[in-house]
Amino acid sequence: MNSQLRRFASLVPLFIVVALALPAVSHAQAPTYILQWGSEGSGDGQFEFPLQIALDGSGNVYVADNSNNRIQKFTNTGTYITQWGISGGGNGEFNSPTGIAVDGSGNVYVADRGNHRIQKFTNTGTYITQWGVFGSGNGEFKFPFGVAVDGSGNVYVTDRSNARVQTFTSAGAYLSQWGTPGTGDGQFNGPTGIAVSGGNVFVADQLNNRIEKFTTGGVFVSKWGVTGSGDGQFKDPIGVAVDNIGDVYVADQTNNRMQTFTGTGVFIVKWGTNGSGNGQFSFPDGVAVDGSYNVYVADTSNHRIQKFGMVPTATKIVTWGEVKGLYR
């Protein structure tokens, strides 16, 4: 046997061992329940139907405490920090606050649904500005629901009863809109949650029981979901969030569960059943994901926030010497 052949033969067992060491590809498992906070009421850290939620760059959690007409702010372990807002139509007052988002500078944007406007605050609740009145014209709203902010500070709003998305500068200047009532591509029937990531916009088209994906300019890209309770099916998808690697998290409200997908709509995992135990839900609404892939869910009718660990994903890379494997 020549030297080259002997060298090749000596490597064969090593490759077999390494191959056997690679983990088997399997379906993702549901994330681990970590903790929860909140109970029904109007005291500090209590909720009356919390809806959408948002995170800032420090991991603090902001909750639209809908029926208490206020915003509450917590640490990522649920410690109460502050709150602002009372019922009314004045600056800093609310009538059924719903959507919430935080920009890169820590400014907080709230969809003040019943007042048909967006309000902007500092991260401590100081009022900055507002825009919007009731109507169907540019920059007007009929029950705005979801809010998202992109890396440039542009603000995206689901204008629910106008069946459209509107975009604005961070100061509230009108930029663009897209969407009409209907079931076709790019049309909406009750758009609710919205998320922006990687140049794409994801909208929970609630009453069409689907997620629609657009460019930030409003060009339709794709959609997924039909009515039902199977994997990838929905009954009132309402909250949507995107993590750092582009996976999409959906609060499937009437199915009382969460579902996760790739950015192209491939089903990854689901978790949750109807109930009030740890990891169970009663009409979940808002969802947010932090930089460590922890998932926060507004468990609306249980009047609490639940926190879960990372959903295993195929984009995590593990290295054994010179061998790299992808796994889900």
Protein backbone atom coordinates (compact mmCIF):
# COMPACT_ATOMS: atom_id res chain seq x y z
CA MET A 1 0.00 0.00 0.00
CA ASN A 2 1.52 3.34 -0.97
CA SER A 3 1.82 6.18 1.50
CA GLN A 4 -1.09 8.17 0.10
CA LEU A 5 -3.45 5.18 0.29
CA ARG A 6 -2.35 4.37 3.85
CA ARG A 7 -2.95 8.02 4.81
CA PHE A 8 -6.50 7.93 3.39
CA ALA A 9 -7.29 4.61 5.07
CA SER A 10 -6.18 5.93 8.44
CA LEU A 11 -8.68 8.79 8.21
CA VAL A 12 -11.75 6.64 7.47
CA PRO A 13 -12.50 5.65 11.11
CA LEU A 14 -12.18 9.29 12.18
CA PHE A 15 -14.82 10.40 9.68
CA ILE A 16 -17.11 7.58 10.77
CA VAL A 17 -16.79 8.62 14.42
CA VAL A 18 -17.44 12.28 13.61
CA ALA A 19 -20.44 11.38 11.48
CA LEU A 20 -21.88 9.32 14.31
CA ALA A 21 -21.37 12.25 16.67
CA LEU A 22 -23.54 14.59 14.60
CA PRO A 23 -26.98 15.16 16.14
CA ALA A 24 -29.94 13.79 14.28
CA VAL A 25 -32.16 16.32 12.53
CA SER A 26 -35.52 16.53 14.28
CA HIS A 27 -38.49 18.81 14.60
CA ALA A 28 -38.18 21.77 16.93
CA GLN A 29 -39.40 21.35 20.46
CA ALA A 30 -41.59 23.84 22.26
CA PRO A 31 -39.69 26.44 24.31
CA THR A 32 -39.38 26.06 28.06
CA TYR A 33 -41.65 28.07 30.33
CA ILE A 34 -39.54 30.45 32.43
CA LEU A 35 -41.78 32.75 34.45
CA GLN A 36 -44.87 34.94 34.52
CA TRP A 37 -46.11 38.11 36.14
CA GLY A 38 -49.38 39.93 36.56
CA SER A 39 -52.89 39.35 37.84
CA GLU A 40 -56.24 40.97 37.22
CA GLY A 41 -56.56 44.44 38.67
CA SER A 42 -55.48 48.06 38.40
CA GLY A 43 -52.59 48.17 40.83
CA ASP A 44 -48.92 48.39 39.90
CA GLY A 45 -48.03 45.30 37.89
CA GLN A 46 -51.65 44.20 37.53
CA PHE A 47 -53.53 44.14 34.22
CA GLU A 48 -56.95 44.44 32.69
CA PHE A 49 -56.60 42.66 29.35
CA PRO A 50 -53.00 43.38 28.36
CA LEU A 51 -52.70 43.46 24.56
CA GLN A 52 -49.57 44.19 22.54
CA ILE A 53 -46.09 44.28 24.11
CA ALA A 54 -42.68 45.61 23.08
CA LEU A 55 -39.05 45.46 24.23
CA ASP A 56 -36.37 48.14 24.30
CA GLY A 57 -32.65 47.71 23.72
CA SER A 58 -32.05 47.03 27.41
CA GLY A 59 -34.63 44.25 27.49
CA ASN A 60 -37.30 46.18 29.37
CA VAL A 61 -40.87 45.12 28.61
CA TYR A 62 -43.62 47.61 27.76
CA VAL A 63 -47.25 46.49 27.96
CA ALA A 64 -50.37 48.15 26.55
CA ASP A 65 -52.65 47.60 29.55
CA ASN A 66 -55.78 48.03 27.49
CA SER A 67 -58.72 48.33 29.85
CA ASN A 68 -56.67 50.25 32.42
CA ASN A 69 -55.84 52.81 29.70
CA ARG A 70 -52.16 52.91 30.53
CA ILE A 71 -48.70 51.68 29.59
CA GLN A 72 -46.70 49.68 32.12
CA LYS A 73 -42.95 49.10 32.01
CA PHE A 74 -41.11 46.14 33.59
CA THR A 75 -37.69 44.53 33.68
CA ASN A 76 -37.33 41.33 31.68
CA THR A 77 -37.97 39.36 34.88
CA GLY A 78 -41.25 41.13 35.55
CA THR A 79 -40.18 43.69 38.14
CA TYR A 80 -42.44 46.74 37.91
CA ILE A 81 -40.65 49.97 36.88
CA THR A 82 -43.20 52.63 36.00
CA GLN A 83 -46.49 53.41 34.28
CA TRP A 84 -48.22 56.28 32.51
CA GLY A 85 -51.64 57.14 31.12
CA ILE A 86 -55.23 57.56 32.25
CA SER A 87 -58.53 57.35 30.43
CA GLY A 88 -59.22 60.32 28.17
CA GLY A 89 -58.45 62.11 24.93
CA GLY A 90 -55.80 64.59 26.04
CA ASN A 91 -52.04 64.43 25.56
CA GLY A 92 -50.74 61.28 27.25
CA GLU A 93 -54.25 59.95 27.88
CA PHE A 94 -55.65 56.82 26.24
CA ASN A 95 -58.84 55.23 24.99
CA SER A 96 -58.05 51.52 24.63
CA PRO A 97 -54.30 51.51 23.89
CA THR A 98 -53.44 48.52 21.75
CA GLY A 99 -50.22 48.47 19.74
CA ILE A 100 -46.84 49.49 21.11
CA ALA A 101 -43.30 49.75 19.71
CA VAL A 102 -39.93 51.12 20.81
CA ASP A 103 -37.37 52.67 18.46
CA GLY A 104 -33.59 52.55 18.64
CA SER A 105 -33.48 55.72 20.73
CA GLY A 106 -35.92 54.35 23.28
CA ASN A 107 -38.94 56.35 22.18
CA VAL A 108 -42.26 54.57 22.69
CA TYR A 109 -45.08 54.65 20.14
CA VAL A 110 -48.60 53.67 21.16
CA ALA A 111 -51.64 52.97 18.98
CA ASP A 112 -54.32 54.82 20.93
CA ARG A 113 -57.07 52.85 19.25
CA GLY A 114 -60.24 54.50 20.51
CA ASN A 115 -58.78 57.97 19.98
CA HIS A 116 -57.73 57.05 16.41
CA ARG A 117 -54.19 58.30 16.81
CA ILE A 118 -50.57 57.41 17.52
CA GLN A 119 -48.86 58.90 20.56
CA LYS A 120 -45.10 59.11 21.09
CA PHE A 121 -43.36 59.17 24.48
CA THR A 122 -39.92 58.94 26.03
CA ASN A 123 -39.12 55.62 27.68
CA THR A 124 -40.16 57.07 31.02
CA GLY A 125 -43.55 58.17 29.74
CA THR A 126 -43.02 61.84 28.98
CA TYR A 127 -45.36 62.88 26.17
CA ILE A 128 -43.61 63.99 22.95
CA THR A 129 -46.14 64.24 20.13
CA GLN A 130 -49.14 62.63 18.46
CA TRP A 131 -50.72 62.31 15.03
CA GLY A 132 -53.95 61.06 13.49
CA VAL A 133 -57.67 61.74 13.59
CA PHE A 134 -60.69 59.63 12.70
CA GLY A 135 -61.05 59.14 8.96
CA SER A 136 -59.83 57.38 5.83
CA GLY A 137 -57.50 59.99 4.35
CA ASN A 138 -53.72 59.96 4.39
CA GLY A 139 -52.57 59.95 8.01
CA GLU A 140 -56.07 59.41 9.35
CA PHE A 141 -57.14 56.25 11.19
CA LYS A 142 -60.08 54.06 11.98
CA PHE A 143 -59.09 52.05 15.06
CA PRO A 144 -55.32 51.70 14.56
CA PHE A 145 -54.13 48.46 16.10
CA GLY A 146 -50.47 47.49 15.64
CA VAL A 147 -47.28 49.60 15.56
CA ALA A 148 -43.74 48.71 14.45
CA VAL A 149 -40.57 50.73 13.86
CA ASP A 150 -37.76 49.94 11.41
CA GLY A 151 -34.05 50.60 11.77
CA SER A 152 -34.39 54.03 10.17
CA GLY A 153 -37.06 55.08 12.64
CA ASN A 154 -39.98 54.87 10.23
CA VAL A 155 -43.26 53.91 11.89
CA TYR A 156 -45.67 51.30 10.47
CA VAL A 157 -49.29 51.18 11.64
CA THR A 158 -52.04 48.68 10.92
CA ASP A 159 -55.09 50.88 10.31
CA ARG A 160 -57.51 48.10 11.15
CA SER A 161 -60.94 49.31 10.02
CA ASN A 162 -59.45 50.98 6.94
CA ALA A 163 -57.88 47.59 6.02
CA ARG A 164 -54.46 49.06 5.31
CA VAL A 165 -50.95 49.73 6.58
CA GLN A 166 -49.73 53.32 6.83
CA THR A 167 -46.13 54.45 7.26
CA PHE A 168 -44.78 57.64 8.85
CA THR A 169 -41.56 59.31 9.87
CA SER A 170 -40.68 59.20 13.55
CA ALA A 171 -42.20 62.68 13.86
CA GLY A 172 -45.51 61.56 12.35
CA ALA A 173 -45.18 62.85 8.79
CA TYR A 174 -47.17 60.66 6.40
CA LEU A 175 -45.06 58.58 3.98
CA SER A 176 -47.12 55.86 2.30
CA GLN A 177 -49.85 53.24 2.59
CA TRP A 178 -50.91 49.93 1.12
CA GLY A 179 -53.82 47.53 1.35
CA THR A 180 -57.53 47.45 0.59
CA PRO A 181 -60.39 45.35 2.01
CA GLY A 182 -60.52 41.81 0.65
CA THR A 183 -58.98 38.35 0.56
CA GLY A 184 -56.57 38.74 -2.34
CA ASP A 185 -52.81 39.09 -2.12
CA GLY A 186 -51.98 42.32 -0.32
CA GLN A 187 -55.55 42.86 0.83
CA PHE A 188 -56.69 42.74 4.47
CA ASN A 189 -59.62 41.83 6.64
CA GLY A 190 -58.86 43.16 10.11
CA PRO A 191 -55.07 43.66 10.10
CA THR A 192 -53.74 43.62 13.66
CA GLY A 193 -50.14 42.87 14.70
CA ILE A 194 -47.21 44.07 12.60
CA ALA A 195 -43.45 43.47 12.70
CA VAL A 196 -40.56 44.79 10.61
CA SER A 197 -37.28 42.93 10.11
CA GLY A 198 -34.64 42.60 7.41
CA GLY A 199 -36.42 44.87 4.96
CA ASN A 200 -39.68 42.93 5.28
CA VAL A 201 -42.99 43.69 6.97
CA PHE A 202 -45.12 40.91 8.46
CA VAL A 203 -48.81 41.58 9.11
CA ALA A 204 -51.29 39.45 11.03
CA ASP A 205 -54.34 39.53 8.75
CA GLN A 206 -56.64 38.39 11.53
CA LEU A 207 -59.99 37.72 9.91
CA ASN A 208 -58.39 36.18 6.81
CA ASN A 209 -56.52 33.84 9.18
CA ARG A 210 -53.12 34.35 7.61
CA ILE A 211 -49.82 36.16 7.79
CA GLU A 212 -48.88 38.42 4.89
CA LYS A 213 -45.31 39.45 4.08
CA PHE A 214 -44.36 42.66 2.25
CA THR A 215 -41.30 44.71 1.46
CA THR A 216 -40.99 47.89 3.50
CA GLY A 217 -42.30 49.67 0.42
CA GLY A 218 -45.54 47.67 0.57
CA VAL A 219 -44.87 45.23 -2.27
CA PHE A 220 -46.57 41.88 -1.56
CA VAL A 221 -44.06 39.03 -1.12
CA SER A 222 -45.93 36.00 0.21
CA LYS A 223 -48.59 34.73 2.60
CA TRP A 224 -49.33 31.65 4.67
CA GLY A 225 -52.13 30.26 6.77
CA VAL A 226 -55.75 29.14 6.41
CA THR A 227 -58.56 28.75 8.91
CA GLY A 228 -58.10 25.78 11.22
CA SER A 229 -56.26 24.29 14.17
CA GLY A 230 -53.61 22.23 12.41
CA ASP A 231 -49.95 23.10 12.13
CA GLY A 232 -49.64 26.40 10.29
CA GLN A 233 -53.36 27.06 10.42
CA PHE A 234 -54.93 29.91 12.38
CA LYS A 235 -57.99 31.06 14.23
CA ASP A 236 -57.54 34.81 14.69
CA PRO A 237 -53.78 35.39 14.39
CA ILE A 238 -53.30 38.70 16.15
CA GLY A 239 -49.77 39.28 17.46
CA VAL A 240 -46.61 38.87 15.38
CA ALA A 241 -42.90 39.27 16.11
CA VAL A 242 -39.64 38.45 14.34
CA ASP A 243 -36.38 37.39 16.01
CA ASN A 244 -32.79 38.19 15.06
CA ILE A 245 -32.53 35.32 12.58
CA GLY A 246 -35.83 36.03 10.87
CA ASP A 247 -38.12 33.46 12.45
CA VAL A 248 -41.71 34.65 12.87
CA TYR A 249 -43.78 34.20 16.04
CA VAL A 250 -47.57 34.40 15.90
CA ALA A 251 -50.13 34.60 18.69
CA ASP A 252 -52.85 32.29 17.35
CA GLN A 253 -55.48 33.77 19.59
CA THR A 254 -58.62 31.63 19.40
CA ASN A 255 -56.52 28.45 19.19
CA ASN A 256 -54.93 29.59 22.49
CA ARG A 257 -51.41 28.87 21.32
CA MET A 258 -48.24 30.27 19.83
CA GLN A 259 -46.82 29.21 16.48
CA THR A 260 -43.37 29.82 15.04
CA PHE A 261 -42.36 29.85 11.35
CA THR A 262 -39.37 30.58 9.21
CA GLY A 263 -39.41 33.91 7.42
CA THR A 264 -40.84 32.14 4.37
CA GLY A 265 -43.75 30.62 6.29
CA VAL A 266 -42.44 27.10 6.95
CA PHE A 267 -43.94 25.78 10.19
CA ILE A 268 -41.43 25.21 13.00
CA VAL A 269 -43.29 24.58 16.25
CA LYS A 270 -46.42 25.33 18.26
CA TRP A 271 -47.08 25.44 21.98
CA GLY A 272 -49.88 26.18 24.40
CA THR A 273 -53.38 24.98 25.18
CA ASN A 274 -56.41 26.70 26.67
CA GLY A 275 -56.06 27.20 30.42
CA SER A 276 -54.44 29.23 33.16
CA GLY A 277 -51.52 27.00 34.09
CA ASN A 278 -47.90 27.66 33.28
CA GLY A 279 -47.52 27.69 29.50
CA GLN A 280 -51.26 27.71 28.89
CA PHE A 281 -53.13 30.64 27.37
CA SER A 282 -56.48 32.37 27.33
CA PHE A 283 -56.70 34.44 24.16
CA PRO A 284 -53.05 35.50 23.82
CA ASP A 285 -52.54 38.75 21.96
CA GLY A 286 -49.08 40.36 21.89
CA VAL A 287 -45.70 38.70 21.41
CA ALA A 288 -42.12 39.98 21.53
CA VAL A 289 -38.71 38.29 21.27
CA ASP A 290 -35.49 39.58 22.83
CA GLY A 291 -31.89 39.32 21.62
CA SER A 292 -31.41 36.05 23.49
CA TYR A 293 -34.50 34.57 21.79
CA ASN A 294 -36.63 34.61 24.92
CA VAL A 295 -40.31 34.93 23.99
CA TYR A 296 -42.75 37.18 25.87
CA VAL A 297 -46.49 36.68 25.41
CA ALA A 298 -49.37 38.86 26.57
CA ASP A 299 -51.76 36.22 27.90
CA THR A 300 -54.68 38.60 27.63
CA SER A 301 -57.64 36.96 29.34
CA ASN A 302 -55.38 35.53 32.05
CA HIS A 303 -54.24 39.13 32.72
CA ARG A 304 -50.55 38.26 32.74
CA ILE A 305 -47.31 38.15 30.79
CA GLN A 306 -45.55 34.81 30.25
CA LYS A 307 -41.89 34.38 29.35
CA PHE A 308 -40.45 31.37 27.52
CA GLY A 309 -36.96 30.28 26.51
CA MET A 310 -35.49 29.95 23.04
CA VAL A 311 -37.19 27.91 20.35
CA PRO A 312 -34.52 25.58 18.82
CA THR A 313 -33.80 26.66 15.24
CA ALA A 314 -32.01 25.27 12.21
CA THR A 315 -29.75 28.28 11.93
CA LYS A 316 -27.77 27.55 15.06
CA ILE A 317 -24.31 26.29 14.05
CA VAL A 318 -22.39 23.78 16.15
CA THR A 319 -18.75 22.91 15.41
CA TRP A 320 -16.87 19.69 16.11
CA GLY A 321 -13.28 20.26 15.00
CA GLU A 322 -13.55 20.95 11.27
CA VAL A 323 -17.10 19.64 10.94
CA LYS A 324 -20.09 22.02 11.11
CA GLY A 325 -23.70 20.91 11.32
CA LEU A 326 -27.03 22.63 11.09
CA TYR A 327 -29.84 21.38 13.25
CA ARG A 328 -33.36 22.19 14.25
